[in-house]
C-alpha atoms as a PDB file:
ATOM      1  CA  MET A   1     -14.890  13.015  21.340  1.00  0.00           C
ATOM      2  CA  ALA A   2     -13.738   9.561  20.146  1.00  0.00           C
ATOM      3  CA  ALA A   3     -16.240   6.729  20.121  1.00  0.00           C
ATOM      4  CA  PRO A   4     -14.683   4.831  23.099  1.00  0.00           C
ATOM      5  CA  ALA A   5     -14.575   8.035  25.121  1.00  0.00           C
ATOM      6  CA  GLN A   6     -18.202   8.757  24.242  1.00  0.00           C
ATOM      7  CA  ALA A   7     -19.216   5.275  25.365  1.00  0.00           C
ATOM      8  CA  ALA A   8     -17.325   5.665  28.639  1.00  0.00           C
ATOM      9  CA  ALA A   9     -18.910   9.067  29.260  1.00  0.00           C
ATOM     10  CA  ALA A  10     -22.377   7.666  28.540  1.00  0.00           C
ATOM     11  CA  ALA A  11     -21.758   4.764  30.929  1.00  0.00           C
ATOM     12  CA  ALA A  12     -20.597   7.149  33.645  1.00  0.00           C
ATOM     13  CA  ALA A  13     -23.687   9.325  33.193  1.00  0.00           C
ATOM     14  CA  ALA A  14     -25.955   6.274  33.332  1.00  0.00           C
ATOM     15  CA  ALA A  15     -24.285   5.030  36.500  1.00  0.00           C
ATOM     16  CA  ALA A  16     -24.726   8.417  38.128  1.00  0.00           C
ATOM     17  CA  ALA A  17     -28.457   8.331  37.384  1.00  0.00           C
ATOM     18  CA  HIS A  18     -29.005   4.819  38.800  1.00  0.00           C
ATOM     19  CA  ASP A  19     -28.013   2.788  41.831  1.00  0.00           C
ATOM     20  CA  PHE A  20     -26.081   0.310  39.660  1.00  0.00           C
ATOM     21  CA  THR A  21     -23.078   0.559  37.373  1.00  0.00           C
ATOM     22  CA  VAL A  22     -23.363   0.456  33.582  1.00  0.00           C
ATOM     23  CA  ASP A  23     -20.698  -0.962  31.261  1.00  0.00           C
ATOM     24  CA  ALA A  24     -19.518   0.961  28.230  1.00  0.00           C
ATOM     25  CA  ALA A  25     -21.014  -1.764  26.000  1.00  0.00           C
ATOM     26  CA  VAL A  26     -24.494  -0.591  26.993  1.00  0.00           C
ATOM     27  CA  PRO A  27     -25.756   1.957  24.414  1.00  0.00           C
ATOM     28  CA  ALA A  28     -26.629   5.425  25.677  1.00  0.00           C
ATOM     29  CA  CYS A  29     -30.173   5.157  24.272  1.00  0.00           C
ATOM     30  CA  LEU A  30     -31.063   2.776  27.117  1.00  0.00           C
ATOM     31  CA  SER A  31     -30.409   5.573  29.611  1.00  0.00           C
ATOM     32  CA  LEU A  32     -33.011   7.763  27.892  1.00  0.00           C
ATOM     33  CA  PRO A  33     -36.531   8.216  29.262  1.00  0.00           C
ATOM     34  CA  PRO A  34     -38.822   5.603  27.706  1.00  0.00           C
ATOM     35  CA  ARG A  35     -40.737   8.201  25.682  1.00  0.00           C
ATOM     36  CA  GLU A  36     -37.534   9.344  23.990  1.00  0.00           C
ATOM     37  CA  PHE A  37     -36.451   5.752  23.362  1.00  0.00           C
ATOM     38  CA  LEU A  38     -39.809   4.972  21.731  1.00  0.00           C
ATOM     39  CA  ALA A  39     -39.833   8.202  19.744  1.00  0.00           C
ATOM     40  CA  ALA A  40     -36.838   6.874  17.812  1.00  0.00           C
ATOM     41  CA  ARG A  41     -38.703   3.600  17.218  1.00  0.00           C
ATOM     42  CA  PRO A  42     -42.205   4.646  16.136  1.00  0.00           C
ATOM     43  CA  HIS A  43     -43.065   1.135  14.933  1.00  0.00           C
ATOM     44  CA  ILE A  44     -43.140  -0.082  18.554  1.00  0.00           C
ATOM     45  CA  HIS A  45     -46.486   0.327  20.318  1.00  0.00           C
ATOM     46  CA  ARG A  46     -45.417  -0.784  23.803  1.00  0.00           C
ATOM     47  CA  LEU A  47     -42.042  -1.526  25.347  1.00  0.00           C
ATOM     48  CA  MET A  48     -40.890  -4.240  27.702  1.00  0.00           C
ATOM     49  CA  ALA A  49     -37.620  -4.605  29.607  1.00  0.00           C
ATOM     50  CA  ALA A  50     -36.084  -7.795  31.008  1.00  0.00           C
ATOM     51  CA  CYS A  51     -32.925  -9.065  32.701  1.00  0.00           C
ATOM     52  CA  MET A  52     -30.886 -12.239  32.495  1.00  0.00           C
ATOM     53  CA  VAL A  53     -29.060 -13.370  35.619  1.00  0.00           C
ATOM     54  CA  PHE A  54     -26.357 -16.053  35.555  1.00  0.00           C
ATOM     55  CA  ARG A  55     -24.318 -18.011  38.034  1.00  0.00           C
ATOM     56  CA  ARG A  56     -21.713 -20.776  38.119  1.00  0.00           C
ATOM     57  CA  ALA A  57     -22.822 -23.789  40.133  1.00  0.00           C
ATOM     58  CA  GLU A  58     -22.274 -27.514  40.440  1.00  0.00           C
ATOM     59  CA  GLN A  59     -24.379 -29.582  38.048  1.00  0.00           C
ATOM     60  CA  HIS A  60     -25.030 -33.208  38.955  1.00  0.00           C
ATOM     61  CA  ALA A  61     -25.270 -35.185  35.729  1.00  0.00           C
ATOM     62  CA  SER A  62     -26.901 -38.090  37.560  1.00  0.00           C
ATOM     63  CA  THR A  63     -30.117 -36.073  37.908  1.00  0.00           C
ATOM     64  CA  ASP A  64     -30.355 -35.427  34.174  1.00  0.00           C
ATOM     65  CA  ASN A  65     -31.214 -38.912  32.995  1.00  0.00           C
ATOM     66  CA  ASN A  66     -34.604 -38.830  31.309  1.00  0.00           C
ATOM     67  CA  ASN A  67     -35.579 -38.696  27.657  1.00  0.00           C
ATOM     68  CA  THR A  68     -35.707 -35.274  26.076  1.00  0.00           C
ATOM     69  CA  ASN A  69     -37.926 -33.581  23.525  1.00  0.00           C
ATOM     70  CA  ASN A  70     -35.571 -31.797  21.222  1.00  0.00           C
ATOM     71  CA  ALA A  71     -32.355 -33.707  20.653  1.00  0.00           C
ATOM     72  CA  THR A  72     -30.988 -37.135  19.914  1.00  0.00           C
ATOM     73  CA  THR A  73     -29.815 -39.556  22.585  1.00  0.00           C
ATOM     74  CA  THR A  74     -26.249 -38.997  21.446  1.00  0.00           C
ATOM     75  CA  SER A  75     -26.585 -35.242  22.001  1.00  0.00           C
ATOM     76  CA  ASP A  76     -28.117 -35.818  25.437  1.00  0.00           C
ATOM     77  CA  ASN A  77     -25.309 -38.137  26.517  1.00  0.00           C
ATOM     78  CA  ARG A  78     -22.686 -35.708  25.285  1.00  0.00           C
ATOM     79  CA  GLY A  79     -24.336 -32.875  27.160  1.00  0.00           C
ATOM     80  CA  ARG A  80     -24.457 -34.848  30.396  1.00  0.00           C
ATOM     81  CA  LYS A  81     -20.827 -35.928  30.065  1.00  0.00           C
ATOM     82  CA  GLN A  82     -19.843 -32.350  29.320  1.00  0.00           C
ATOM     83  CA  GLU A  83     -21.598 -31.079  32.434  1.00  0.00           C
ATOM     84  CA  GLU A  84     -20.044 -33.855  34.538  1.00  0.00           C
ATOM     85  CA  ARG A  85     -16.488 -33.074  33.510  1.00  0.00           C
ATOM     86  CA  GLN A  86     -16.820 -29.299  33.625  1.00  0.00           C
ATOM     87  CA  GLY A  87     -17.608 -29.023  37.338  1.00  0.00           C
ATOM     88  CA  PRO A  88     -19.343 -25.703  38.026  1.00  0.00           C
ATOM     89  CA  VAL A  89     -21.399 -24.833  34.962  1.00  0.00           C
ATOM     90  CA  LEU A  90     -23.028 -21.666  33.710  1.00  0.00           C
ATOM     91  CA  GLN A  91     -26.720 -21.449  34.620  1.00  0.00           C
ATOM     92  CA  ALA A  92     -29.412 -18.872  33.819  1.00  0.00           C
ATOM     93  CA  LEU A  93     -32.374 -17.976  35.997  1.00  0.00           C
ATOM     94  CA  LEU A  94     -35.804 -18.638  34.465  1.00  0.00           C
ATOM     95  CA  ILE A  95     -39.228 -18.190  36.040  1.00  0.00           C
ATOM     96  CA  ARG A  96     -42.519 -19.939  35.322  1.00  0.00           C
ATOM     97  CA  ARG A  97     -45.785 -18.123  34.783  1.00  0.00           C
ATOM     98  CA  ALA A  98     -48.665 -18.932  37.127  1.00  0.00           C
ATOM     99  CA  ALA A  99     -51.375 -21.352  36.080  1.00  0.00           C
ATOM    100  CA  ALA A 100     -54.049 -18.648  36.300  1.00  0.00           C
ATOM    101  CA  ASP A 101     -52.083 -16.016  34.329  1.00  0.00           C
ATOM    102  CA  SER A 102     -51.709 -15.544  30.585  1.00  0.00           C
ATOM    103  CA  TYR A 103     -49.267 -17.936  28.900  1.00  0.00           C
ATOM    104  CA  SER A 104     -50.037 -20.366  31.689  1.00  0.00           C
ATOM    105  CA  LEU A 105     -47.094 -22.349  33.117  1.00  0.00           C
ATOM    106  CA  LYS A 106     -44.653 -21.177  30.434  1.00  0.00           C
ATOM    107  CA  TRP A 107     -41.040 -20.276  31.219  1.00  0.00           C
ATOM    108  CA  GLU A 108     -39.308 -16.930  30.575  1.00  0.00           C
ATOM    109  CA  ILE A 109     -36.747 -14.518  31.977  1.00  0.00           C
ATOM    110  CA  PRO A 110     -37.768 -11.859  34.512  1.00  0.00           C
ATOM    111  CA  GLY A 111     -39.201  -8.740  32.882  1.00  0.00           C
ATOM    112  CA  GLY A 112     -42.299  -6.736  32.069  1.00  0.00           C
ATOM    113  CA  SER A 113     -43.814  -3.533  30.747  1.00  0.00           C
ATOM    114  CA  VAL A 114     -41.881  -0.292  30.825  1.00  0.00           C
ATOM    115  CA  SER A 115     -43.844   2.482  32.541  1.00  0.00           C
ATOM    116  CA  LEU A 116     -43.759   5.825  30.742  1.00  0.00           C
ATOM    117  CA  ALA A 117     -44.844   7.507  33.981  1.00  0.00           C
ATOM    118  CA  ARG A 118     -42.557   6.052  36.639  1.00  0.00           C
ATOM    119  CA  ASP A 119     -39.457   4.644  34.899  1.00  0.00           C
ATOM    120  CA  ALA A 120     -36.669   7.182  34.499  1.00  0.00           C
ATOM    121  CA  SER A 121     -35.038   5.124  31.762  1.00  0.00           C
ATOM    122  CA  VAL A 122     -35.189   1.765  30.031  1.00  0.00           C
ATOM    123  CA  LEU A 123     -32.367   0.594  32.301  1.00  0.00           C
ATOM    124  CA  ALA A 124     -34.333   1.641  35.370  1.00  0.00           C
ATOM    125  CA  ALA A 125     -37.369  -0.236  34.091  1.00  0.00           C
ATOM    126  CA  ALA A 126     -35.367  -3.445  33.643  1.00  0.00           C
ATOM    127  CA  ALA A 127     -33.911  -3.164  37.146  1.00  0.00           C
ATOM    128  CA  ARG A 128     -37.349  -2.489  38.639  1.00  0.00           C
ATOM    129  CA  GLU A 129     -38.866  -5.459  36.858  1.00  0.00           C
ATOM    130  CA  LEU A 130     -36.115  -7.798  38.024  1.00  0.00           C
ATOM    131  CA  ARG A 131     -36.667  -6.753  41.626  1.00  0.00           C
ATOM    132  CA  GLU A 132     -40.450  -7.049  41.314  1.00  0.00           C
ATOM    133  CA  GLU A 133     -40.249 -10.418  39.595  1.00  0.00           C
ATOM    134  CA  THR A 134     -37.588 -12.088  41.739  1.00  0.00           C
ATOM    135  CA  GLY A 135     -36.475  -9.821  44.581  1.00  0.00           C
ATOM    136  CA  LEU A 136     -32.952  -9.638  43.081  1.00  0.00           C
ATOM    137  CA  ARG A 137     -31.260  -6.249  42.771  1.00  0.00           C
ATOM    138  CA  VAL A 138     -29.180  -5.171  39.787  1.00  0.00           C
ATOM    139  CA  ALA A 139     -25.585  -4.305  40.623  1.00  0.00           C
ATOM    140  CA  ARG A 140     -24.193  -3.952  37.102  1.00  0.00           C
ATOM    141  CA  VAL A 141     -25.628  -3.836  33.590  1.00  0.00           C
ATOM    142  CA  ARG A 142     -23.248  -5.533  31.175  1.00  0.00           C
ATOM    143  CA  ARG A 143     -24.838  -5.340  27.699  1.00  0.00           C
ATOM    144  CA  PRO A 144     -28.066  -5.780  25.682  1.00  0.00           C
ATOM    145  CA  LEU A 145     -28.799  -9.269  24.393  1.00  0.00           C
ATOM    146  CA  GLY A 146     -31.249  -9.449  21.502  1.00  0.00           C
ATOM    147  CA  MET A 147     -31.934 -13.000  20.317  1.00  0.00           C
ATOM    148  CA  LEU A 148     -30.283 -15.654  18.194  1.00  0.00           C
ATOM    149  CA  MET A 149     -31.896 -15.706  14.767  1.00  0.00           C
ATOM    150  CA  HIS A 150     -32.959 -18.669  12.604  1.00  0.00           C
ATOM    151  CA  SER A 151     -29.916 -18.235  10.373  1.00  0.00           C
ATOM    152  CA  SER A 152     -27.437 -17.539  13.181  1.00  0.00           C
ATOM    153  CA  PRO A 153     -24.603 -19.998  13.679  1.00  0.00           C
ATOM    154  CA  SER A 154     -24.380 -21.750  16.991  1.00  0.00           C
ATOM    155  CA  PRO A 155     -22.449 -19.847  19.665  1.00  0.00           C
ATOM    156  CA  LEU A 156     -20.246 -22.933  19.922  1.00  0.00           C
ATOM    157  CA  SER A 157     -16.849 -21.873  18.619  1.00  0.00           C
ATOM    158  CA  CYS A 158     -15.035 -24.232  16.283  1.00  0.00           C
ATOM    159  CA  ALA A 159     -11.431 -23.393  16.990  1.00  0.00           C
ATOM    160  CA  PRO A 160      -8.918 -24.420  14.337  1.00  0.00           C
ATOM    161  CA  GLY A 161      -6.888 -27.527  15.010  1.00  0.00           C
ATOM    162  CA  ASP A 162      -3.399 -27.366  16.457  1.00  0.00           C
ATOM    163  CA  ARG A 163      -0.870 -26.313  13.840  1.00  0.00           C
ATOM    164  CA  ASP A 164       2.766 -27.223  13.370  1.00  0.00           C
ATOM    165  CA  VAL A 165       5.374 -24.563  12.742  1.00  0.00           C
ATOM    166  CA  ASP A 166       5.006 -24.979   8.981  1.00  0.00           C
ATOM    167  CA  GLY A 167       1.258 -24.243   9.229  1.00  0.00           C
ATOM    168  CA  THR A 168      -0.053 -27.792   8.711  1.00  0.00           C
ATOM    169  CA  GLU A 169      -2.582 -29.257  11.093  1.00  0.00           C
ATOM    170  CA  ASP A 170      -1.625 -32.343  13.053  1.00  0.00           C
ATOM    171  CA  LYS A 171      -3.923 -35.346  12.995  1.00  0.00           C
ATOM    172  CA  ALA A 172      -5.290 -34.736  16.494  1.00  0.00           C
ATOM    173  CA  GLY A 173      -6.130 -31.163  15.555  1.00  0.00           C
ATOM    174  CA  GLU A 174      -7.996 -32.275  12.439  1.00  0.00           C
ATOM    175  CA  GLU A 175     -10.024 -34.836  14.392  1.00  0.00           C
ATOM    176  CA  GLN A 176     -10.883 -32.271  17.062  1.00  0.00           C
ATOM    177  CA  GLN A 177     -11.949 -29.738  14.447  1.00  0.00           C
ATOM    178  CA  GLU A 178     -14.142 -32.300  12.668  1.00  0.00           C
ATOM    179  CA  GLN A 179     -15.802 -33.249  15.942  1.00  0.00           C
ATOM    180  CA  GLU A 180     -16.432 -29.611  16.874  1.00  0.00           C
ATOM    181  CA  GLN A 181     -17.838 -28.839  13.422  1.00  0.00           C
ATOM    182  CA  ALA A 182     -20.241 -31.786  13.713  1.00  0.00           C
ATOM    183  CA  GLN A 183     -21.351 -30.540  17.123  1.00  0.00           C
ATOM    184  CA  GLU A 184     -21.848 -27.033  15.754  1.00  0.00           C
ATOM    185  CA  GLN A 185     -23.968 -28.308  12.864  1.00  0.00           C
ATOM    186  CA  GLU A 186     -26.162 -30.277  15.256  1.00  0.00           C
ATOM    187  CA  ARG A 187     -26.582 -27.311  17.589  1.00  0.00           C
ATOM    188  CA  THR A 188     -27.432 -25.070  14.645  1.00  0.00           C
ATOM    189  CA  LEU A 189     -30.161 -27.514  13.623  1.00  0.00           C
ATOM    190  CA  LEU A 190     -31.492 -27.471  17.175  1.00  0.00           C
ATOM    191  CA  LEU A 191     -31.489 -23.692  17.089  1.00  0.00           C
ATOM    192  CA  VAL A 192     -33.801 -23.640  14.066  1.00  0.00           C
ATOM    193  CA  GLU A 193     -36.547 -25.535  15.891  1.00  0.00           C
ATOM    194  CA  PRO A 194     -37.453 -24.428  19.433  1.00  0.00           C
ATOM    195  CA  PRO A 195     -38.765 -26.968  21.948  1.00  0.00           C
ATOM    196  CA  PRO A 196     -42.443 -27.959  21.726  1.00  0.00           C
ATOM    197  CA  GLY A 197     -45.190 -26.432  23.844  1.00  0.00           C
ATOM    198  CA  LEU A 198     -44.682 -22.735  23.064  1.00  0.00           C
ATOM    199  CA  GLY A 199     -47.252 -20.313  24.457  1.00  0.00           C
ATOM    200  CA  ILE A 200     -47.557 -18.647  21.049  1.00  0.00           C
ATOM    201  CA  SER A 201     -46.555 -19.984  17.658  1.00  0.00           C
ATOM    202  CA  PRO A 202     -43.628 -18.385  15.796  1.00  0.00           C
ATOM    203  CA  ALA A 203     -46.035 -17.453  12.978  1.00  0.00           C
ATOM    204  CA  GLU A 204     -48.234 -15.521  15.402  1.00  0.00           C
ATOM    205  CA  GLU A 205     -45.343 -13.984  17.317  1.00  0.00           C
ATOM    206  CA  GLN A 206     -43.335 -12.791  14.295  1.00  0.00           C
ATOM    207  CA  ALA A 207     -40.303 -11.982  16.420  1.00  0.00           C
ATOM    208  CA  ARG A 208     -37.776  -9.723  14.697  1.00  0.00           C
ATOM    209  CA  GLN A 209     -34.574  -7.918  15.526  1.00  0.00           C
ATOM    210  CA  ASP A 210     -33.421  -4.832  13.637  1.00  0.00           C
ATOM    211  CA  PRO A 211     -29.647  -5.151  13.100  1.00  0.00           C
ATOM    212  CA  ALA A 212     -29.370  -1.358  13.011  1.00  0.00           C
ATOM    213  CA  ASP A 213     -30.801  -1.004  16.537  1.00  0.00           C
ATOM    214  CA  ASP A 214     -27.884  -0.734  18.977  1.00  0.00           C
ATOM    215  CA  ALA A 215     -30.215  -1.646  21.849  1.00  0.00           C
ATOM    216  CA  LEU A 216     -30.869  -5.013  20.129  1.00  0.00           C
ATOM    217  CA  THR A 217     -34.612  -4.508  20.619  1.00  0.00           C
ATOM    218  CA  VAL A 218     -36.650  -7.583  19.720  1.00  0.00           C
ATOM    219  CA  THR A 219     -40.117  -6.821  18.387  1.00  0.00           C
ATOM    220  CA  PHE A 220     -43.103  -9.157  18.273  1.00  0.00           C
ATOM    221  CA  LEU A 221     -46.849  -9.110  17.737  1.00  0.00           C
ATOM    222  CA  GLU A 222     -49.096  -8.966  20.808  1.00  0.00           C
ATOM    223  CA  THR A 223     -52.820  -8.093  20.881  1.00  0.00           C
ATOM    224  CA  GLY A 224     -52.577  -7.127  17.216  1.00  0.00           C
ATOM    225  CA  ARG A 225     -49.809  -4.556  17.726  1.00  0.00           C
ATOM    226  CA  ARG A 226     -46.027  -4.644  17.578  1.00  0.00           C
ATOM    227  CA  TRP A 227     -44.315  -4.624  20.950  1.00  0.00           C
ATOM    228  CA  GLY A 228     -40.626  -4.204  21.661  1.00  0.00           C
ATOM    229  CA  LYS A 229     -38.492  -5.936  24.267  1.00  0.00           C
ATOM    230  CA  VAL A 230     -35.050  -4.962  25.530  1.00  0.00           C
ATOM    231  CA  ALA A 231     -33.244  -7.738  27.412  1.00  0.00           C
ATOM    232  CA  LEU A 232     -30.121  -7.000  29.431  1.00  0.00           C
ATOM    233  CA  LEU A 233     -27.310  -9.116  30.795  1.00  0.00           C
ATOM    234  CA  VAL A 234     -26.863  -8.078  34.434  1.00  0.00           C
ATOM    235  CA  ASP A 235     -24.962  -8.923  37.600  1.00  0.00           C
ATOM    236  CA  VAL A 236     -26.886  -8.793  40.874  1.00  0.00           C
ATOM    237  CA  ARG A 237     -25.996  -7.890  44.453  1.00  0.00           C
ATOM    238  CA  GLU A 238     -27.149 -11.150  45.962  1.00  0.00           C
ATOM    239  CA  ALA A 239     -24.986 -14.280  46.223  1.00  0.00           C
ATOM    240  CA  VAL A 240     -27.181 -16.298  43.896  1.00  0.00           C
ATOM    241  CA  GLU A 241     -24.924 -19.353  44.105  1.00  0.00           C
ATOM    242  CA  GLY A 242     -26.691 -20.163  47.382  1.00  0.00           C
ATOM    243  CA  ILE A 243     -30.167 -20.240  45.852  1.00  0.00           C
ATOM    244  CA  PRO A 244     -31.613 -23.735  45.255  1.00  0.00           C
ATOM    245  CA  SER A 245     -31.551 -24.927  41.645  1.00  0.00           C
ATOM    246  CA  ARG A 246     -35.324 -25.068  41.536  1.00  0.00           C
ATOM    247  CA  GLY A 247     -38.099 -23.940  43.825  1.00  0.00           C
ATOM    248  CA  ARG A 248     -41.494 -22.343  44.237  1.00  0.00           C
ATOM    249  CA  ILE A 249     -41.816 -18.596  44.668  1.00  0.00           C
ATOM    250  CA  GLY A 250     -43.010 -17.223  47.996  1.00  0.00           C
ATOM    251  CA  PHE A 251     -45.463 -14.338  48.304  1.00  0.00           C
ATOM    252  CA  THR A 252     -44.962 -11.218  50.428  1.00  0.00           C
ATOM    253  CA  GLY A 253     -47.675  -9.019  48.882  1.00  0.00           C
ATOM    254  CA  GLY A 254     -47.284  -5.863  46.840  1.00  0.00           C
ATOM    255  CA  ASP A 255     -48.848  -3.171  44.721  1.00  0.00           C
ATOM    256  CA  ASP A 256     -51.393  -3.742  41.992  1.00  0.00           C
ATOM    257  CA  LYS A 257     -50.460  -3.664  38.330  1.00  0.00           C
ATOM    258  CA  GLU A 258     -50.815  -0.621  36.191  1.00  0.00           C
ATOM    259  CA  ASP A 259     -53.527  -0.755  33.557  1.00  0.00           C
ATOM    260  CA  GLY A 260     -52.482  -2.933  30.661  1.00  0.00           C
ATOM    261  CA  GLU A 261     -49.747  -4.788  32.546  1.00  0.00           C
ATOM    262  CA  GLY A 262     -50.805  -8.368  32.178  1.00  0.00           C
ATOM    263  CA  ASP A 263     -49.271  -9.679  29.021  1.00  0.00           C
ATOM    264  CA  ARG A 264     -46.214 -11.724  28.254  1.00  0.00           C
ATOM    265  CA  GLY A 265     -42.840 -11.206  29.858  1.00  0.00           C
ATOM    266  CA  GLY A 266     -43.266 -11.292  33.608  1.00  0.00           C
ATOM    267  CA  LEU A 267     -45.593  -8.404  34.370  1.00  0.00           C
ATOM    268  CA  GLY A 268     -46.918  -7.804  37.777  1.00  0.00           C
ATOM    269  CA  ARG A 269     -47.022  -6.859  41.398  1.00  0.00           C
ATOM    270  CA  LYS A 270     -43.986  -6.179  43.444  1.00  0.00           C
ATOM    271  CA  GLY A 271     -42.589  -9.184  45.218  1.00  0.00           C
ATOM    272  CA  GLY A 272     -40.365  -9.530  48.231  1.00  0.00           C
ATOM    273  CA  GLN A 273     -36.673  -8.758  48.329  1.00  0.00           C
ATOM    274  CA  ALA A 274     -34.254 -11.643  48.129  1.00  0.00           C
ATOM    275  CA  GLY A 275     -31.770 -12.074  50.892  1.00  0.00           C
ATOM    276  CA  GLN A 276     -33.153  -9.491  53.311  1.00  0.00           C
ATOM    277  CA  GLY A 277     -33.757 -10.802  56.803  1.00  0.00           C
ATOM    278  CA  ALA A 278     -32.913 -14.359  55.729  1.00  0.00           C
ATOM    279  CA  ALA A 279     -29.904 -16.620  56.183  1.00  0.00           C
ATOM    280  CA  ALA A 280     -29.486 -17.006  52.433  1.00  0.00           C
ATOM    281  CA  PRO A 281     -30.906 -15.296  49.346  1.00  0.00           C
ATOM    282  CA  THR A 282     -33.866 -16.795  47.592  1.00  0.00           C
ATOM    283  CA  ILE A 283     -36.354 -15.939  44.859  1.00  0.00           C
ATOM    284  CA  VAL A 284     -39.466 -14.208  46.204  1.00  0.00           C
ATOM    285  CA  MET A 285     -42.476 -13.113  44.170  1.00  0.00           C
ATOM    286  CA  ASP A 286     -46.234 -13.074  43.885  1.00  0.00           C
ATOM    287  CA  PRO A 287     -47.355 -16.630  43.002  1.00  0.00           C
ATOM    288  CA  ARG A 288     -50.449 -15.227  41.313  1.00  0.00           C
ATOM    289  CA  GLU A 289     -48.150 -14.324  38.438  1.00  0.00           C
ATOM    290  CA  HIS A 290     -45.177 -16.688  38.666  1.00  0.00           C
ATOM    291  CA  GLU A 291     -44.935 -19.836  40.691  1.00  0.00           C
ATOM    292  CA  GLU A 292     -41.545 -21.478  40.134  1.00  0.00           C
ATOM    293  CA  TRP A 293     -37.946 -20.682  39.321  1.00  0.00           C
ATOM    294  CA  ALA A 294     -35.174 -22.822  37.857  1.00  0.00           C
ATOM    295  CA  TRP A 295     -31.468 -22.419  37.091  1.00  0.00           C
ATOM    296  CA  LEU A 296     -30.741 -24.066  33.728  1.00  0.00           C
ATOM    297  CA  THR A 297     -27.654 -24.761  31.647  1.00  0.00           C
ATOM    298  CA  GLU A 298     -27.462 -23.880  27.965  1.00  0.00           C
ATOM    299  CA  GLU A 299     -27.662 -27.543  27.019  1.00  0.00           C
ATOM    300  CA  GLN A 300     -30.898 -27.900  28.982  1.00  0.00           C
ATOM    301  CA  VAL A 301     -32.394 -24.796  27.391  1.00  0.00           C
ATOM    302  CA  ARG A 302     -31.561 -26.040  23.909  1.00  0.00           C
ATOM    303  CA  ARG A 303     -33.128 -29.429  24.612  1.00  0.00           C
ATOM    304  CA  GLY A 304     -36.172 -27.925  26.318  1.00  0.00           C
ATOM    305  CA  VAL A 305     -35.747 -29.798  29.611  1.00  0.00           C
ATOM    306  CA  ASP A 306     -34.739 -29.156  33.221  1.00  0.00           C
ATOM    307  CA  ALA A 307     -31.922 -30.886  35.128  1.00  0.00           C
ATOM    308  CA  ALA A 308     -34.122 -33.955  35.684  1.00  0.00           C
ATOM    309  CA  GLY A 309     -35.092 -34.235  32.014  1.00  0.00           C
ATOM    310  CA  ARG A 310     -38.613 -32.893  32.537  1.00  0.00           C
ATOM    311  CA  PRO A 311     -40.067 -30.750  29.713  1.00  0.00           C
ATOM    312  CA  MET A 312     -39.672 -26.968  29.940  1.00  0.00           C
ATOM    313  CA  GLU A 313     -42.195 -25.107  27.780  1.00  0.00           C
ATOM    314  CA  TYR A 314     -41.295 -21.523  26.868  1.00  0.00           C
ATOM    315  CA  THR A 315     -43.515 -18.494  26.384  1.00  0.00           C
ATOM    316  CA  SER A 316     -42.401 -18.126  22.764  1.00  0.00           C
ATOM    317  CA  ALA A 317     -39.660 -18.916  20.295  1.00  0.00           C
ATOM    318  CA  GLY A 318     -38.411 -15.342  20.678  1.00  0.00           C
ATOM    319  CA  VAL A 319     -38.056 -15.793  24.433  1.00  0.00           C
ATOM    320  CA  TRP A 320     -36.213 -19.078  23.930  1.00  0.00           C
ATOM    321  CA  ARG A 321     -33.843 -17.553  21.369  1.00  0.00           C
ATOM    322  CA  GLY A 322     -33.257 -14.632  23.719  1.00  0.00           C
ATOM    323  CA  VAL A 323     -32.145 -17.007  26.467  1.00  0.00           C
ATOM    324  CA  LEU A 324     -29.653 -18.588  24.077  1.00  0.00           C
ATOM    325  CA  ALA A 325     -28.359 -15.128  23.158  1.00  0.00           C
ATOM    326  CA  GLY A 326     -27.837 -14.497  26.859  1.00  0.00           C
ATOM    327  CA  PHE A 327     -25.692 -17.605  27.232  1.00  0.00           C
ATOM    328  CA  ALA A 328     -23.572 -16.610  24.235  1.00  0.00           C
ATOM    329  CA  ALA A 329     -23.049 -13.106  25.661  1.00  0.00           C
ATOM    330  CA  ARG A 330     -22.214 -14.346  29.150  1.00  0.00           C
ATOM    331  CA  ARG A 331     -19.699 -16.847  27.830  1.00  0.00           C
ATOM    332  CA  ALA A 332     -18.124 -14.168  25.649  1.00  0.00           C
ATOM    333  CA  LEU A 333     -17.619 -11.968  28.720  1.00  0.00           C
ATOM    334  CA  GLU A 334     -15.966 -14.844  30.554  1.00  0.00           C
ATOM    335  CA  GLY A 335     -13.804 -15.812  27.568  1.00  0.00           C
ATOM    336  CA  ASP A 336     -15.422 -19.257  27.492  1.00  0.00           C
ATOM    337  CA  ASP A 337     -16.481 -20.594  24.089  1.00  0.00           C
ATOM    338  CA  THR A 338     -17.770 -23.948  25.385  1.00  0.00           C
ATOM    339  CA  PRO A 339     -21.545 -24.137  25.905  1.00  0.00           C
ATOM    340  CA  SER A 340     -22.486 -25.367  29.362  1.00  0.00           C
END
């Protein structure tokens, strides 16, 4: 069977085993039971699964007017002008850990520990964690994400300038290319240094990504052992465009954690279900583990701020780089090479 046909068959089998669809870009190994997935990766002690959810929504540049931690004033002004002229911008959902939990008040994407006992697959674990963390339900799994590395170029695409018939660039094209290259260099510099206030230092975390791993598993050190994390780009059933840009998470109760579920990545009790019995969907979860949510643009994530310019401190550099990888993947799916 040809490779594309094999991928399509694997996606069809995964969809049949879950209550969501799975794109052909999702490797078949993520449909395996967790024990089988880990057996092929013996260096990983424990596995986590997470989801990134995106939406397009209006961004009011007038609210983003404070000083930032991680970029120059020129970069900030350009980002605000970009958001103002783009109209609806791409935003990712992030959640904030509770003050009383580990990695107190740090931001991350929804996710947590994979259960060898109750999760039928890595995909199922990611979907379960998203629902437990936010109440949102996976409708479609698009692809794994990984993280942007220190040496990775910015996802900003520097398209060549306009060319005449004879192949020479016109002056406007050259100026545009120079401007885009300067922006890319600045964004690449920002990528090297994550925002301040990380829950764990990069030296302690030691986040890595094996380029030979088709699941794009990111590994890191936790409690003296190497953990693995699979992050997925997903679509959800709820109309997330109606959810406020920032809010506190409500509590509806839920089951206790399994033993050992209490470390980084959004681990915890089951929360409520978004959009059920309400006029509009919302984010619902146990505030003992997470207490806020926010929808952020890529520019805000890179600068380490929210829409009002307030600092956003991330769980780790690996988490932050994973969020940036999610933006690059989402924009690639939409055919948009302009960071939001």
